[in-house]
Amino acid sequence: MLKKTLLLMLTAAFLVAISGCNTVHGVGQDLEAAGEGIQDASE
């Protein structure tokens, strides 16, 4: 059950992120921002 919920949440987040990006450049910026957020959280 937990795996299904986690997969559903990740899929939903991925779809929202993709729908917010109109170009490949936008996807790159979003991925970079997400990576920086994860990096900052780990510090």
N, C-alpha and C. Protein backbone atom coordinates (compact mmCIF):
# COMPACT_ATOMS: atom_id res chain seq x y z
N MET A 1 0.83 -1.20 0.00
CA MET A 1 0.00 0.00 0.00
C MET A 1 0.87 1.26 0.00
N LEU A 2 1.92 1.25 0.81
CA LEU A 2 2.80 2.41 0.88
C LEU A 2 3.51 2.63 -0.44
N LYS A 3 3.92 1.55 -1.10
CA LYS A 3 4.60 1.68 -2.38
C LYS A 3 3.67 2.27 -3.44
N LYS A 4 2.42 1.84 -3.44
CA LYS A 4 1.44 2.36 -4.40
C LYS A 4 1.20 3.84 -4.16
N THR A 5 1.07 4.23 -2.90
CA THR A 5 0.84 5.63 -2.56
C THR A 5 2.03 6.48 -2.96
N LEU A 6 3.24 6.01 -2.66
CA LEU A 6 4.45 6.74 -3.02
C LEU A 6 4.57 6.88 -4.53
N LEU A 7 4.31 5.79 -5.25
CA LEU A 7 4.38 5.84 -6.71
C LEU A 7 3.36 6.81 -7.27
N LEU A 8 2.17 6.80 -6.73
CA LEU A 8 1.12 7.72 -7.19
C LEU A 8 1.52 9.17 -6.94
N MET A 9 2.09 9.45 -5.77
CA MET A 9 2.51 10.81 -5.45
C MET A 9 3.64 11.27 -6.36
N LEU A 10 4.61 10.40 -6.60
CA LEU A 10 5.73 10.76 -7.48
C LEU A 10 5.26 10.98 -8.91
N THR A 11 4.36 10.14 -9.36
CA THR A 11 3.81 10.29 -10.71
C THR A 11 3.05 11.60 -10.84
N ALA A 12 2.23 11.92 -9.85
CA ALA A 12 1.48 13.17 -9.87
C ALA A 12 2.43 14.37 -9.87
N ALA A 13 3.46 14.32 -9.04
CA ALA A 13 4.42 15.43 -8.98
C ALA A 13 5.15 15.58 -10.32
N PHE A 14 5.50 14.44 -10.93
CA PHE A 14 6.19 14.47 -12.22
C PHE A 14 5.29 15.10 -13.29
N LEU A 15 4.03 14.71 -13.31
CA LEU A 15 3.10 15.25 -14.30
C LEU A 15 2.88 16.75 -14.11
N VAL A 16 2.79 17.18 -12.88
CA VAL A 16 2.63 18.62 -12.60
C VAL A 16 3.87 19.37 -13.05
N ALA A 17 5.04 18.81 -12.77
CA ALA A 17 6.29 19.47 -13.17
C ALA A 17 6.40 19.56 -14.69
N ILE A 18 6.05 18.49 -15.38
CA ILE A 18 6.14 18.48 -16.84
C ILE A 18 5.12 19.44 -17.45
N SER A 19 3.92 19.49 -16.90
CA SER A 19 2.90 20.37 -17.46
C SER A 19 3.25 21.84 -17.25
N GLY A 20 4.07 22.13 -16.26
CA GLY A 20 4.48 23.50 -16.01
C GLY A 20 5.62 23.96 -16.90
N CYS A 21 6.22 23.03 -17.62
CA CYS A 21 7.35 23.36 -18.48
C CYS A 21 6.92 23.29 -19.94
N ASN A 22 7.10 24.37 -20.65
CA ASN A 22 6.69 24.39 -22.05
C ASN A 22 7.84 24.07 -22.99
N THR A 23 9.07 24.13 -22.49
CA THR A 23 10.22 23.89 -23.36
C THR A 23 11.22 22.98 -22.66
N VAL A 24 12.13 22.44 -23.43
CA VAL A 24 13.21 21.62 -22.86
C VAL A 24 14.06 22.46 -21.92
N HIS A 25 14.26 23.71 -22.27
CA HIS A 25 15.02 24.62 -21.40
C HIS A 25 14.33 24.78 -20.05
N GLY A 26 13.02 24.88 -20.07
CA GLY A 26 12.26 25.00 -18.83
C GLY A 26 12.38 23.75 -17.98
N VAL A 27 12.39 22.58 -18.62
CA VAL A 27 12.56 21.32 -17.88
C VAL A 27 13.92 21.31 -17.21
N GLY A 28 14.94 21.75 -17.94
CA GLY A 28 16.29 21.79 -17.37
C GLY A 28 16.37 22.72 -16.17
N GLN A 29 15.72 23.85 -16.26
CA GLN A 29 15.72 24.80 -15.13
C GLN A 29 15.00 24.20 -13.93
N ASP A 30 13.87 23.53 -14.17
CA ASP A 30 13.12 22.92 -13.07
C ASP A 30 13.93 21.81 -12.41
N LEU A 31 14.60 20.98 -13.21
CA LEU A 31 15.42 19.92 -12.64
C LEU A 31 16.58 20.49 -11.84
N GLU A 32 17.16 21.56 -12.34
CA GLU A 32 18.26 22.20 -11.62
C GLU A 32 17.77 22.76 -10.28
N ALA A 33 16.62 23.41 -10.29
CA ALA A 33 16.06 23.97 -9.06
C ALA A 33 15.72 22.86 -8.07
N ALA A 34 15.18 21.76 -8.57
CA ALA A 34 14.85 20.64 -7.68
C ALA A 34 16.12 20.06 -7.07
N GLY A 35 17.16 19.91 -7.88
CA GLY A 35 18.44 19.40 -7.38
C GLY A 35 19.04 20.31 -6.33
N GLU A 36 18.95 21.61 -6.56
CA GLU A 36 19.48 22.57 -5.58
C GLU A 36 18.68 22.50 -4.28
N GLY A 37 17.37 22.33 -4.40
CA GLY A 37 16.54 22.21 -3.20
C GLY A 37 16.90 20.98 -2.38
N ILE A 38 17.14 19.88 -3.05
CA ILE A 38 17.53 18.65 -2.37
C ILE A 38 18.90 18.83 -1.73
N GLN A 39 19.81 19.46 -2.47
CA GLN A 39 21.15 19.69 -1.94
C GLN A 39 21.09 20.59 -0.70
N ASP A 40 20.32 21.64 -0.75
CA ASP A 40 20.19 22.54 0.40
C ASP A 40 19.57 21.82 1.60
N ALA A 41 18.62 20.97 1.35
CA ALA A 41 17.95 20.24 2.43
C ALA A 41 18.91 19.27 3.09
N SER A 42 19.86 18.74 2.34
CA SER A 42 20.78 17.75 2.89
C SER A 42 21.89 18.37 3.72
N GLU A 43 22.07 19.67 3.60
CA GLU A 43 23.16 20.34 4.33
C GLU A 43 22.81 20.68 5.74
